[in-house]
Amino acid sequence: MKAFAELLDRLSYTHSRNEKLRLLKIYLGRAPDPDRGWALAALADGLAFSFPIRRIVLELIEPKLDAELFRLSRDYVGDTAETVALVWPEPAGPRSEPPRLNEVVKGLKLARRTDLARLLEGWLDRLDPNGRWALLKLLTGALRVGVSARLVKTALAEMGGREVSEIEEVWHGLSPPYEPLFAWLTGTAPRPDVTGSPVFLPLMLSQPLDDEELARLDVGEFCIEWKWDGIRVQVVSTGPATRLYSRTGDDISRSFPEIVEGWCGQGVFDGELLIVREGEVAPFADLQRRLNRKTVSRRMMEEYPAHIRLYDALRIGDADLRSLALRERRARLEAWWVSRAPPRTDLSPLVEVSDKDELIRLWSGTRGVGVEGLMLKRSQSPYLAGRPKGHWYKWKRASLTLDCVLMYAQRGSGKRSSLYSDYTFGVWTGTTEHTELVAVGKAYSGYTDRELLELDRWIRQHTLERFGPARRVEPALVLEIAFDAVQRSSRHKSGVALRFPRIHRIRWEKPAREADRLDTVIALLEPKTATGHACGAERSGSPRFRLR
């Protein structure tokens, strides 16, 4: 546990990606099995423990510290795990040897629910503050040390002299603590055999289309599709087993059981996960209602019916298609879909344009049809893992901006726990005699470190009320917010919310009374639905596209 705690501590205070990568490689190369396997699982996927850790921790700390003092401490620190780690009393005698990570994981897996409090208290007594913090973070599954699953896999690949794609091709066929994986990477065993497992394959990713690329683009060399407003997914089916993966390789099958249970046909397929009702694609907000749910009720599946719009095939049956050109893969996908047509699927239509001017006009109108933009894929491209240059381009519609007024600020977590870094903002509504601010979103990105300090200072000087880690501030600071779209929201008094908001600029000089009004926001609402043909594209003066 000590080495793992030191790793988490250093990762949390390290901004550099290369330095994080170096720390991961050192730990994974030196830590013994199975400790490093459990650490790998915690960093990449999280270790799931089915017991109420927060309640148990609060019950343990209650007799050890005055409740009001703990509340004030938690308010100041901004994180429950870190607070408990700091205020936990030191044992009366000498501290025992800290537990190994394997001891903790195995102890939790074998323990009865009635023994959990005793186990946890014993481990906390044996650890120093840093170890206690790491233990509690491990149990809650919220490490928040700025490490993605992709970065962990990159560290593994570099440690073993392999490509990241090789790691990903066996990852989902293995389980923690990954001892066969480490044996392969250290050269003491062959590559793990995952034949017959529904294993995720590395995705091919696109690059943004910039002005320079657009200028030299030959439209005739590309297949053009709508950029659908869902999430990228991969369906992997071996026949007996089917899995649905996100673009990062997370298994999301349990969140969309109707897709997995209804699938027919072996292969690996690339597509977009959407909510579709009566042939029409619902707003992204509807899809968000289904994401990250461990269980899904029948009613939710009926109200938010999942659908996959397919646009590529990596494998069909036993045939690996990745070396083929996109047009050939597309032809095989269409033939397979016509013969199989799994329920809740269709094919993403190809959009025909005659020249670059028509392409630009089509892109300019994408906001009117409720899609994110266009995808341009070179027709001769093989399916290459990663983000190869010159093959696929995403041409997203331009961001929108609004001038909003800062309403509330909340302290962040981890390294931002002492700074006000999460901002709720709103716009004006009402009559000339009575105007009020109504919230339309929350942002916690887009600013520099220097701007964060300036915002934190301003917030502390202009606070009107405090609510634990949050503050209500004077309605005097204007933030220019960039966002992708406006959507309906029952959670906001305004009735709307901005999608993917981020701070574009701090308008120190602009009077708050000149910020935008709710009417302006409502005028930017997305079309209710965006639809598209199953095969081929239909173009007319209408901005609507329906499924056949």
Protein backbone atom coordinates (compact mmCIF):
# COMPACT_ATOMS: atom_id res chain seq x y z
CA MET A 1 0.00 0.00 0.00
CA LYS A 2 2.89 2.34 0.79
CA ALA A 3 4.33 2.32 -2.75
CA PHE A 4 0.86 2.69 -4.27
CA ALA A 5 0.09 5.63 -1.95
CA GLU A 6 3.34 7.33 -2.95
CA LEU A 7 2.46 6.82 -6.62
CA LEU A 8 -0.99 8.40 -6.20
CA ASP A 9 0.44 11.31 -4.23
CA ARG A 10 3.05 12.12 -6.88
CA LEU A 11 0.58 11.69 -9.73
CA SER A 12 -1.88 14.09 -8.10
CA TYR A 13 0.75 16.85 -7.97
CA THR A 14 2.22 16.22 -11.43
CA HIS A 15 0.88 18.16 -14.43
CA SER A 16 3.20 16.77 -17.10
CA ARG A 17 1.90 13.82 -19.10
CA ASN A 18 5.44 12.55 -19.68
CA GLU A 19 6.23 12.71 -15.98
CA LYS A 20 3.03 10.81 -15.12
CA LEU A 21 4.02 8.22 -17.72
CA ARG A 22 7.47 7.89 -16.16
CA LEU A 23 6.03 7.42 -12.66
CA LEU A 24 3.61 4.76 -13.89
CA LYS A 25 6.35 2.82 -15.69
CA ILE A 26 8.57 2.86 -12.60
CA TYR A 27 5.79 1.61 -10.33
CA LEU A 28 4.48 -1.07 -12.70
CA GLY A 29 8.01 -2.27 -13.37
CA ARG A 30 9.07 -2.49 -9.71
CA ALA A 31 5.94 -3.42 -7.73
CA PRO A 32 5.44 -7.13 -7.06
CA ASP A 33 2.57 -9.27 -8.32
CA PRO A 34 -0.29 -9.21 -7.60
CA ASP A 35 -0.07 -5.70 -6.04
CA ARG A 36 0.71 -4.00 -9.35
CA GLY A 37 -2.18 -5.82 -11.00
CA TRP A 38 -4.66 -4.45 -8.47
CA ALA A 39 -3.11 -1.00 -8.84
CA LEU A 40 -3.44 -1.28 -12.61
CA ALA A 41 -7.11 -2.18 -12.28
CA ALA A 42 -7.74 0.73 -9.90
CA LEU A 43 -6.04 3.24 -12.21
CA ALA A 44 -7.52 1.99 -15.49
CA ASP A 45 -11.03 0.74 -14.69
CA GLY A 46 -11.59 1.20 -10.97
CA LEU A 47 -12.13 -1.60 -8.47
CA ALA A 48 -15.79 -2.08 -7.67
CA PHE A 49 -16.66 -2.79 -4.04
CA SER A 50 -20.33 -3.29 -3.24
CA PHE A 51 -20.61 -1.81 0.22
CA PRO A 52 -21.44 1.67 1.57
CA ILE A 53 -17.90 2.92 2.11
CA ARG A 54 -18.90 6.54 2.80
CA ARG A 55 -21.33 5.58 5.54
CA ILE A 56 -18.85 3.21 7.18
CA VAL A 57 -16.09 5.83 7.14
CA LEU A 58 -18.34 8.49 8.69
CA GLU A 59 -19.47 6.06 11.39
CA LEU A 60 -15.81 5.25 12.18
CA ILE A 61 -14.75 8.90 12.46
CA GLU A 62 -17.78 9.99 14.52
CA PRO A 63 -16.51 8.83 17.95
CA LYS A 64 -12.98 10.05 17.19
CA LEU A 65 -13.69 13.70 16.34
CA ASP A 66 -16.28 16.33 17.26
CA ALA A 67 -18.96 16.44 14.55
CA GLU A 68 -18.81 20.22 14.10
CA LEU A 69 -15.02 20.18 13.90
CA PHE A 70 -15.19 17.45 11.27
CA ARG A 71 -17.77 19.43 9.29
CA LEU A 72 -15.58 22.54 9.33
CA SER A 73 -12.53 20.48 8.39
CA ARG A 74 -14.38 18.82 5.52
CA ASP A 75 -15.59 22.21 4.35
CA TYR A 76 -12.05 23.59 4.34
CA VAL A 77 -10.36 20.58 2.72
CA GLY A 78 -13.13 19.96 0.20
CA ASP A 79 -12.78 16.17 0.09
CA THR A 80 -14.07 13.58 2.57
CA ALA A 81 -11.32 11.00 2.01
CA GLU A 82 -8.55 13.57 2.44
CA THR A 83 -10.21 15.01 5.56
CA VAL A 84 -10.52 11.62 7.26
CA ALA A 85 -6.92 10.78 6.31
CA LEU A 86 -5.69 13.98 7.95
CA VAL A 87 -7.77 13.95 11.15
CA TRP A 88 -7.61 10.19 11.89
CA PRO A 89 -5.90 9.84 15.30
CA GLU A 90 -2.53 8.16 15.48
CA PRO A 91 -2.49 4.78 17.31
CA ALA A 92 -1.32 4.81 20.93
CA GLY A 93 1.56 2.37 20.42
CA PRO A 94 3.99 1.82 17.57
CA ARG A 95 2.32 1.64 14.16
CA SER A 96 2.18 -1.88 12.69
CA GLU A 97 3.51 -2.70 9.22
CA PRO A 98 1.22 -1.12 6.57
CA PRO A 99 -0.98 -3.57 4.66
CA ARG A 100 -0.06 -4.59 1.13
CA LEU A 101 -2.46 -3.69 -1.63
CA ASN A 102 -3.20 -7.36 -2.21
CA GLU A 103 -4.11 -7.78 1.46
CA VAL A 104 -6.64 -4.95 1.20
CA VAL A 105 -8.31 -6.18 -1.99
CA LYS A 106 -8.48 -9.82 -0.91
CA GLY A 107 -9.65 -8.85 2.56
CA LEU A 108 -12.54 -6.85 1.12
CA LYS A 109 -13.51 -9.60 -1.31
CA LEU A 110 -13.65 -12.23 1.45
CA ALA A 111 -15.05 -10.12 4.29
CA ARG A 112 -18.61 -10.29 5.52
CA ARG A 113 -20.45 -6.99 5.63
CA THR A 114 -20.41 -7.01 9.44
CA ASP A 115 -16.58 -7.22 9.44
CA LEU A 116 -15.93 -4.29 7.09
CA ALA A 117 -15.78 -1.55 9.74
CA ARG A 118 -13.31 -3.53 11.85
CA LEU A 119 -11.12 -4.28 8.83
CA LEU A 120 -11.09 -0.70 7.64
CA GLU A 121 -10.33 0.70 11.09
CA GLY A 122 -7.36 -1.67 11.46
CA TRP A 123 -5.92 -0.65 8.09
CA LEU A 124 -6.35 3.08 8.82
CA ASP A 125 -4.46 2.62 12.11
CA ARG A 126 -1.57 0.94 10.28
CA LEU A 127 -1.19 3.67 7.64
CA ASP A 128 0.20 7.18 7.67
CA PRO A 129 -1.96 10.10 6.37
CA ASN A 130 -0.86 9.59 2.78
CA GLY A 131 -1.58 5.86 2.98
CA ARG A 132 -4.99 6.49 4.56
CA TRP A 133 -5.86 8.91 1.76
CA ALA A 134 -4.84 6.36 -0.89
CA LEU A 135 -6.81 3.58 0.83
CA LEU A 136 -10.01 5.64 0.98
CA LYS A 137 -9.61 6.79 -2.61
CA LEU A 138 -9.14 3.18 -3.68
CA LEU A 139 -12.30 2.08 -1.86
CA THR A 140 -14.46 4.87 -3.28
CA GLY A 141 -13.15 4.29 -6.81
CA ALA A 142 -12.52 8.02 -7.32
CA LEU A 143 -8.74 8.32 -7.57
CA ARG A 144 -8.79 11.62 -9.50
CA VAL A 145 -5.05 11.80 -10.08
CA GLY A 146 -5.18 12.89 -13.71
CA VAL A 147 -4.52 9.47 -15.22
CA SER A 148 -6.65 7.95 -17.97
CA ALA A 149 -6.95 4.28 -18.88
CA ARG A 150 -5.18 5.11 -22.14
CA LEU A 151 -2.19 6.57 -20.30
CA VAL A 152 -1.92 3.47 -18.09
CA LYS A 153 -1.98 1.23 -21.16
CA THR A 154 0.68 3.41 -22.77
CA ALA A 155 2.86 2.94 -19.70
CA LEU A 156 2.37 -0.82 -19.92
CA ALA A 157 3.25 -0.82 -23.61
CA GLU A 158 6.44 1.19 -23.11
CA MET A 159 7.41 -0.94 -20.13
CA GLY A 160 7.15 -4.11 -22.24
CA GLY A 161 8.37 -2.69 -25.56
CA ARG A 162 4.96 -3.17 -27.20
CA GLU A 163 2.44 -1.06 -29.10
CA VAL A 164 -0.57 0.27 -27.19
CA SER A 165 -2.81 -1.46 -29.74
CA GLU A 166 -1.31 -4.82 -28.68
CA ILE A 167 -2.25 -4.12 -25.05
CA GLU A 168 -5.79 -3.14 -25.99
CA GLU A 169 -6.29 -6.27 -28.09
CA VAL A 170 -5.87 -8.52 -25.04
CA TRP A 171 -7.09 -6.17 -22.29
CA HIS A 172 -10.74 -7.18 -22.17
CA GLY A 173 -9.92 -10.88 -22.36
CA LEU A 174 -8.10 -10.65 -19.03
CA SER A 175 -9.10 -9.79 -15.49
CA PRO A 176 -7.34 -8.31 -12.43
CA PRO A 177 -4.69 -8.78 -11.18
CA TYR A 178 -3.48 -9.33 -14.79
CA GLU A 179 -0.60 -11.69 -13.95
CA PRO A 180 -0.55 -13.28 -17.46
CA LEU A 181 -0.32 -9.77 -18.92
CA PHE A 182 2.70 -8.84 -16.81
CA ALA A 183 4.32 -12.21 -17.51
CA TRP A 184 4.03 -11.52 -21.25
CA LEU A 185 5.35 -7.96 -20.96
CA THR A 186 8.35 -9.07 -18.90
CA GLY A 187 9.15 -11.89 -21.33
CA THR A 188 8.47 -14.83 -19.01
CA ALA A 189 5.37 -16.12 -20.85
CA PRO A 190 3.77 -15.91 -24.30
CA ARG A 191 1.09 -13.41 -25.24
CA PRO A 192 -2.19 -14.24 -23.42
CA ASP A 193 -4.61 -16.20 -25.59
CA VAL A 194 -7.96 -14.38 -25.66
CA THR A 195 -9.40 -16.34 -28.59
CA GLY A 196 -13.18 -16.55 -28.36
CA SER A 197 -13.49 -13.56 -26.02
CA PRO A 198 -15.40 -10.46 -27.12
CA VAL A 199 -12.30 -8.26 -27.02
CA PHE A 200 -12.30 -4.54 -27.79
CA LEU A 201 -10.14 -3.52 -30.75
CA PRO A 202 -8.39 -0.13 -30.88
CA LEU A 203 -10.45 2.49 -32.70
CA MET A 204 -9.44 4.64 -35.64
CA LEU A 205 -9.79 8.30 -34.68
CA SER A 206 -10.16 11.48 -36.69
CA GLN A 207 -8.38 14.82 -36.74
CA PRO A 208 -10.00 18.26 -36.79
CA LEU A 209 -10.27 19.74 -40.28
CA ASP A 210 -8.40 23.05 -40.31
CA ASP A 211 -8.35 25.74 -43.00
CA GLU A 212 -5.10 24.48 -44.49
CA GLU A 213 -6.40 20.92 -44.87
CA LEU A 214 -9.69 22.23 -46.29
CA ALA A 215 -7.86 24.30 -48.90
CA ARG A 216 -6.08 21.26 -50.38
CA LEU A 217 -8.94 18.81 -49.89
CA ASP A 218 -10.07 16.80 -52.94
CA VAL A 219 -13.73 16.04 -52.25
CA GLY A 220 -13.73 13.15 -54.70
CA GLU A 221 -11.27 11.20 -52.55
CA PHE A 222 -13.53 11.13 -49.48
CA CYS A 223 -16.65 9.46 -48.15
CA ILE A 224 -18.75 12.06 -46.33
CA GLU A 225 -21.10 11.38 -43.42
CA TRP A 226 -23.02 13.40 -40.88
CA LYS A 227 -21.29 13.72 -37.52
CA TRP A 228 -24.00 12.32 -35.26
CA ASP A 229 -24.57 13.74 -31.80
CA GLY A 230 -24.17 10.57 -29.75
CA ILE A 231 -21.22 8.59 -28.40
CA ARG A 232 -18.80 6.43 -30.36
CA VAL A 233 -19.19 2.73 -29.59
CA GLN A 234 -17.88 -0.63 -30.72
CA VAL A 235 -20.00 -3.79 -30.78
CA VAL A 236 -18.02 -7.01 -30.42
CA SER A 237 -19.84 -10.32 -30.86
CA THR A 238 -18.41 -13.84 -30.88
CA GLY A 239 -21.85 -15.39 -31.21
CA PRO A 240 -22.28 -16.70 -27.67
CA ALA A 241 -21.09 -13.41 -26.13
CA THR A 242 -21.66 -9.79 -27.16
CA ARG A 243 -20.19 -6.67 -25.59
CA LEU A 244 -20.75 -2.97 -26.12
CA TYR A 245 -17.70 -0.75 -25.57
CA SER A 246 -17.22 3.01 -25.42
CA ARG A 247 -14.49 4.67 -27.48
CA THR A 248 -12.10 4.35 -24.53
CA GLY A 249 -12.72 0.62 -24.21
CA ASP A 250 -15.07 0.77 -21.22
CA ASP A 251 -17.63 -2.03 -21.18
CA ILE A 252 -21.05 -0.31 -21.16
CA SER A 253 -23.09 -3.43 -21.95
CA ARG A 254 -25.06 -3.29 -18.68
CA SER A 255 -26.28 0.22 -19.48
CA PHE A 256 -27.74 -0.88 -22.83
CA PRO A 257 -28.90 -4.49 -22.42
CA GLU A 258 -31.41 -4.29 -25.28
CA ILE A 259 -28.57 -3.71 -27.75
CA VAL A 260 -26.47 -6.61 -26.46
CA GLU A 261 -29.32 -9.10 -26.04
CA GLY A 262 -30.79 -8.40 -29.48
CA TRP A 263 -27.55 -8.54 -31.45
CA CYS A 264 -27.16 -11.13 -34.18
CA GLY A 265 -24.08 -11.82 -36.26
CA GLN A 266 -20.44 -12.23 -35.31
CA GLY A 267 -17.91 -9.47 -35.83
CA VAL A 268 -16.59 -6.14 -34.61
CA PHE A 269 -18.58 -3.08 -35.64
CA ASP A 270 -18.00 0.65 -35.29
CA GLY A 271 -20.86 3.11 -34.88
CA GLU A 272 -22.66 5.83 -32.96
CA LEU A 273 -24.92 5.16 -29.99
CA LEU A 274 -28.06 7.30 -30.10
CA ILE A 275 -31.57 7.51 -28.69
CA VAL A 276 -34.04 7.05 -31.55
CA ARG A 277 -37.82 7.35 -31.33
CA GLU A 278 -40.01 6.52 -34.32
CA GLY A 279 -37.09 6.90 -36.69
CA GLU A 280 -35.90 10.23 -35.32
CA VAL A 281 -32.73 10.89 -33.31
CA ALA A 282 -33.39 12.47 -29.92
CA PRO A 283 -31.20 15.19 -28.38
CA PHE A 284 -27.98 14.13 -26.67
CA ALA A 285 -29.52 15.01 -23.29
CA ASP A 286 -31.79 11.97 -23.66
CA LEU A 287 -28.80 9.70 -24.19
CA GLN A 288 -27.17 11.12 -21.07
CA ARG A 289 -30.08 9.73 -19.04
CA ARG A 290 -28.90 6.23 -19.98
CA LEU A 291 -25.14 6.60 -19.62
CA ASN A 292 -23.20 5.29 -16.61
CA ARG A 293 -26.13 3.33 -15.18
CA LYS A 294 -25.36 -0.06 -13.69
CA THR A 295 -28.96 -1.20 -14.04
CA VAL A 296 -31.65 0.04 -16.41
CA SER A 297 -35.37 -0.41 -15.86
CA ARG A 298 -37.73 -1.57 -18.59
CA ARG A 299 -39.52 1.76 -18.36
CA MET A 300 -36.29 3.67 -19.03
CA MET A 301 -35.51 1.45 -22.02
CA GLU A 302 -38.97 2.21 -23.40
CA GLU A 303 -38.74 5.97 -22.77
CA TYR A 304 -35.13 6.24 -24.02
CA PRO A 305 -34.76 3.53 -26.69
CA ALA A 306 -31.11 2.92 -27.60
CA HIS A 307 -30.05 2.65 -31.21
CA ILE A 308 -26.72 2.17 -33.02
CA ARG A 309 -25.98 3.88 -36.32
CA LEU A 310 -23.24 1.75 -37.90
CA TYR A 311 -20.55 3.19 -40.16
CA ASP A 312 -17.70 0.68 -40.26
CA ALA A 313 -16.78 -2.97 -39.73
CA LEU A 314 -13.43 -4.16 -38.40
CA ARG A 315 -14.38 -7.82 -38.61
CA ILE A 316 -17.31 -9.72 -40.04
CA GLY A 317 -17.41 -13.33 -38.96
CA ASP A 318 -13.82 -14.57 -38.89
CA ALA A 319 -12.64 -12.14 -41.58
CA ASP A 320 -10.43 -9.22 -40.46
CA LEU A 321 -11.34 -6.26 -42.67
CA ARG A 322 -9.00 -3.64 -41.22
CA SER A 323 -6.48 -3.79 -44.07
CA LEU A 324 -9.18 -3.17 -46.69
CA ALA A 325 -10.04 0.26 -48.06
CA LEU A 326 -12.97 2.07 -46.47
CA ARG A 327 -15.17 1.72 -49.58
CA GLU A 328 -14.66 -2.04 -49.56
CA ARG A 329 -15.37 -2.28 -45.81
CA ARG A 330 -18.49 -0.16 -46.32
CA ALA A 331 -19.73 -2.42 -49.12
CA ARG A 332 -19.29 -5.50 -46.95
CA LEU A 333 -20.97 -3.79 -44.00
CA GLU A 334 -23.99 -2.88 -46.15
CA ALA A 335 -24.27 -6.44 -47.49
CA TRP A 336 -24.00 -7.85 -43.95
CA TRP A 337 -26.58 -5.42 -42.60
CA VAL A 338 -29.09 -6.22 -45.34
CA SER A 339 -28.82 -9.93 -44.55
CA ARG A 340 -28.65 -9.62 -40.75
CA ALA A 341 -30.09 -6.22 -39.76
CA PRO A 342 -29.79 -6.52 -35.97
CA PRO A 343 -32.67 -4.79 -34.24
CA ARG A 344 -32.12 -1.21 -33.10
CA THR A 345 -29.52 -0.54 -35.81
CA ASP A 346 -29.21 1.17 -39.16
CA LEU A 347 -26.39 2.44 -41.38
CA SER A 348 -25.06 5.97 -41.31
CA PRO A 349 -25.90 7.50 -44.70
CA LEU A 350 -23.22 8.67 -47.11
CA VAL A 351 -23.67 12.27 -48.22
CA GLU A 352 -23.01 13.05 -51.89
CA VAL A 353 -21.54 16.43 -52.84
CA SER A 354 -20.35 17.60 -56.25
CA ASP A 355 -17.61 20.02 -55.22
CA LYS A 356 -15.98 21.82 -52.30
CA ASP A 357 -18.37 24.79 -52.46
CA GLU A 358 -21.32 22.45 -51.96
CA LEU A 359 -19.47 20.76 -49.09
CA ILE A 360 -18.97 24.11 -47.37
CA ARG A 361 -22.65 25.03 -47.84
CA LEU A 362 -23.65 21.67 -46.38
CA TRP A 363 -21.38 22.17 -43.36
CA SER A 364 -22.71 25.68 -42.82
CA GLY A 365 -26.22 24.29 -42.48
CA THR A 366 -25.48 21.45 -40.07
CA ARG A 367 -26.68 23.42 -37.04
CA GLY A 368 -30.09 23.67 -38.71
CA VAL A 369 -30.45 19.88 -38.99
CA GLY A 370 -29.33 19.10 -35.44
CA VAL A 371 -26.07 17.27 -36.19
CA GLU A 372 -22.58 18.13 -34.93
CA GLY A 373 -21.01 18.65 -38.34
CA LEU A 374 -19.48 16.40 -40.99
CA MET A 375 -17.07 13.46 -41.08
CA LEU A 376 -14.74 13.18 -44.06
CA LYS A 377 -13.08 9.78 -44.46
CA ARG A 378 -10.61 9.00 -47.23
CA SER A 379 -12.24 6.25 -49.30
CA GLN A 380 -8.97 4.31 -49.69
CA SER A 381 -8.11 4.40 -45.97
CA PRO A 382 -7.47 1.11 -44.19
CA TYR A 383 -8.70 0.93 -40.60
CA LEU A 384 -5.69 2.13 -38.60
CA ALA A 385 -5.62 2.25 -34.80
CA GLY A 386 -5.01 5.63 -33.22
CA ARG A 387 -5.17 9.01 -34.98
CA PRO A 388 -3.26 8.62 -38.27
CA LYS A 389 -2.77 11.83 -40.25
CA GLY A 390 -4.54 12.49 -43.52
CA HIS A 391 -7.19 9.76 -43.31
CA TRP A 392 -10.25 10.82 -41.29
CA TYR A 393 -11.32 14.38 -40.52
CA LYS A 394 -14.03 15.73 -38.26
CA TRP A 395 -15.44 19.08 -39.27
CA LYS A 396 -17.47 20.21 -36.30
CA ARG A 397 -19.78 23.17 -36.59
CA ALA A 398 -18.43 26.36 -35.05
CA SER A 399 -18.91 26.90 -31.30
CA LEU A 400 -21.51 29.33 -30.03
CA THR A 401 -20.79 31.96 -27.38
CA LEU A 402 -22.86 33.89 -24.85
CA ASP A 403 -22.06 36.51 -22.26
CA CYS A 404 -23.25 35.12 -18.91
CA VAL A 405 -23.08 36.35 -15.32
CA LEU A 406 -21.27 34.39 -12.61
CA MET A 407 -23.80 33.35 -9.93
CA TYR A 408 -22.17 30.66 -7.76
CA ALA A 409 -18.68 29.23 -7.28
CA GLN A 410 -17.62 25.99 -5.68
CA ARG A 411 -14.25 24.64 -4.65
CA GLY A 412 -12.84 21.90 -6.77
CA SER A 413 -11.40 18.56 -5.70
CA GLY A 414 -7.87 17.18 -5.45
CA LYS A 415 -5.29 19.83 -6.27
CA ARG A 416 -8.09 22.40 -6.72
CA SER A 417 -9.73 21.72 -3.36
CA SER A 418 -8.57 25.07 -1.94
CA LEU A 419 -9.61 27.15 -4.98
CA TYR A 420 -13.01 28.13 -6.33
CA SER A 421 -12.81 26.49 -9.74
CA ASP A 422 -16.38 25.36 -10.58
CA TYR A 423 -18.64 28.16 -11.79
CA THR A 424 -22.41 28.33 -12.19
CA PHE A 425 -23.50 31.12 -14.52
CA GLY A 426 -26.78 32.54 -15.78
CA VAL A 427 -28.54 35.05 -18.02
CA TRP A 428 -31.13 37.74 -17.40
CA THR A 429 -34.86 37.27 -17.66
CA GLY A 430 -37.95 39.24 -16.68
CA THR A 431 -39.29 42.70 -17.35
CA THR A 432 -37.60 46.07 -17.12
CA GLU A 433 -39.11 46.56 -13.65
CA HIS A 434 -38.09 43.13 -12.37
CA THR A 435 -35.13 41.22 -13.79
CA GLU A 436 -33.43 38.17 -12.34
CA LEU A 437 -30.64 35.80 -13.19
CA VAL A 438 -31.47 32.20 -14.09
CA ALA A 439 -28.79 29.53 -14.36
CA VAL A 440 -28.06 27.97 -17.74
CA GLY A 441 -24.95 25.93 -16.99
CA LYS A 442 -21.78 25.18 -15.08
CA ALA A 443 -18.17 25.31 -16.29
CA TYR A 444 -14.86 24.27 -14.78
CA SER A 445 -12.47 24.56 -17.73
CA GLY A 446 -11.16 27.01 -20.28
CA TYR A 447 -9.12 29.26 -18.00
CA THR A 448 -5.38 29.47 -17.36
CA ASP A 449 -3.78 28.87 -13.95
CA ARG A 450 -3.27 32.64 -13.61
CA GLU A 451 -6.92 33.33 -14.45
CA LEU A 452 -8.01 30.69 -11.91
CA LEU A 453 -6.15 32.55 -9.17
CA GLU A 454 -7.68 35.86 -10.29
CA LEU A 455 -11.18 34.35 -10.29
CA ASP A 456 -10.64 32.79 -6.87
CA ARG A 457 -9.53 36.15 -5.46
CA TRP A 458 -12.53 37.95 -6.99
CA ILE A 459 -14.98 35.36 -5.65
CA ARG A 460 -13.65 35.63 -2.09
CA GLN A 461 -13.97 39.43 -2.25
CA HIS A 462 -17.51 39.42 -3.67
CA THR A 463 -19.21 36.64 -1.70
CA LEU A 464 -22.80 37.26 -0.56
CA GLU A 465 -23.61 33.86 1.02
CA ARG A 466 -21.83 30.63 1.85
CA PHE A 467 -23.23 27.10 1.52
CA GLY A 468 -20.52 24.68 2.63
CA PRO A 469 -17.95 24.55 -0.20
CA ALA A 470 -20.10 26.83 -2.42
CA ARG A 471 -20.57 30.60 -2.45
CA ARG A 472 -23.15 32.92 -3.95
CA VAL A 473 -21.43 35.96 -5.39
CA GLU A 474 -22.43 39.45 -6.44
CA PRO A 475 -23.93 39.39 -9.95
CA ALA A 476 -21.14 41.57 -11.29
CA LEU A 477 -18.71 39.43 -13.31
CA VAL A 478 -19.36 38.51 -16.94
CA LEU A 479 -17.96 35.27 -18.39
CA GLU A 480 -17.99 34.71 -22.13
CA ILE A 481 -19.05 31.06 -22.41
CA ALA A 482 -18.33 28.91 -25.45
CA PHE A 483 -20.63 25.91 -25.96
CA ASP A 484 -21.82 23.45 -28.57
CA ALA A 485 -25.59 23.72 -28.32
CA VAL A 486 -28.59 24.65 -26.19
CA GLN A 487 -30.95 21.95 -24.98
CA ARG A 488 -34.06 21.72 -22.82
CA SER A 489 -33.45 21.05 -19.14
CA SER A 490 -35.90 20.39 -16.31
CA ARG A 491 -33.07 20.83 -13.77
CA HIS A 492 -32.67 24.55 -14.44
CA LYS A 493 -35.20 27.24 -13.60
CA SER A 494 -34.45 28.72 -17.02
CA GLY A 495 -35.70 25.51 -18.68
CA VAL A 496 -32.55 25.27 -20.80
CA ALA A 497 -28.90 24.29 -20.44
CA LEU A 498 -25.77 24.83 -22.48
CA ARG A 499 -24.05 21.71 -23.78
CA PHE A 500 -20.30 21.35 -23.13
CA PRO A 501 -19.84 24.86 -21.75
CA ARG A 502 -16.34 26.20 -21.14
CA ILE A 503 -15.00 29.64 -20.29
CA HIS A 504 -13.85 31.36 -23.46
CA ARG A 505 -12.96 34.71 -21.93
CA ILE A 506 -13.36 36.65 -18.69
CA ARG A 507 -15.08 39.95 -19.48
CA TRP A 508 -13.67 42.00 -16.62
CA GLU A 509 -14.57 45.20 -18.44
CA LYS A 510 -18.18 44.40 -19.35
CA PRO A 511 -21.06 45.59 -17.10
CA ALA A 512 -23.16 42.66 -15.88
CA ARG A 513 -26.37 44.37 -16.99
CA GLU A 514 -25.18 44.00 -20.60
CA ALA A 515 -24.95 40.20 -20.42
CA ASP A 516 -27.25 38.12 -22.60
CA ARG A 517 -30.91 37.42 -21.89
CA LEU A 518 -32.85 34.17 -21.73
CA ASP A 519 -34.69 34.98 -24.96
CA THR A 520 -31.36 34.92 -26.79
CA VAL A 521 -30.54 31.49 -25.35
CA ILE A 522 -33.94 30.01 -26.20
CA ALA A 523 -33.58 31.21 -29.78
CA LEU A 524 -30.51 28.95 -30.06
CA LEU A 525 -32.35 25.77 -29.03
CA GLU A 526 -31.47 22.74 -31.08
CA PRO A 527 -34.09 21.27 -33.43
CA LYS A 528 -36.10 18.70 -31.52
CA THR A 529 -34.66 15.81 -33.52
CA ALA A 530 -32.15 15.02 -36.22
CA THR A 531 -32.83 12.05 -38.48
CA GLY A 532 -31.13 10.17 -41.28
CA HIS A 533 -31.60 7.47 -43.92
CA ALA A 534 -30.55 3.93 -43.28
CA CYS A 535 -28.74 3.57 -46.61
CA GLY A 536 -27.74 6.43 -48.86
CA ALA A 537 -28.58 10.09 -48.36
CA GLU A 538 -31.51 12.19 -49.46
CA ARG A 539 -31.06 15.87 -50.03
CA SER A 540 -33.72 18.47 -50.54
CA GLY A 541 -34.60 21.93 -49.35
CA SER A 542 -35.88 20.43 -46.10
CA PRO A 543 -33.44 20.26 -43.15
CA ARG A 544 -35.02 17.00 -41.97
CA PHE A 545 -33.73 13.50 -42.75
CA ARG A 546 -35.83 10.45 -41.90
CA LEU A 547 -35.01 6.78 -41.54
CA ARG A 548 -36.50 4.42 -44.05
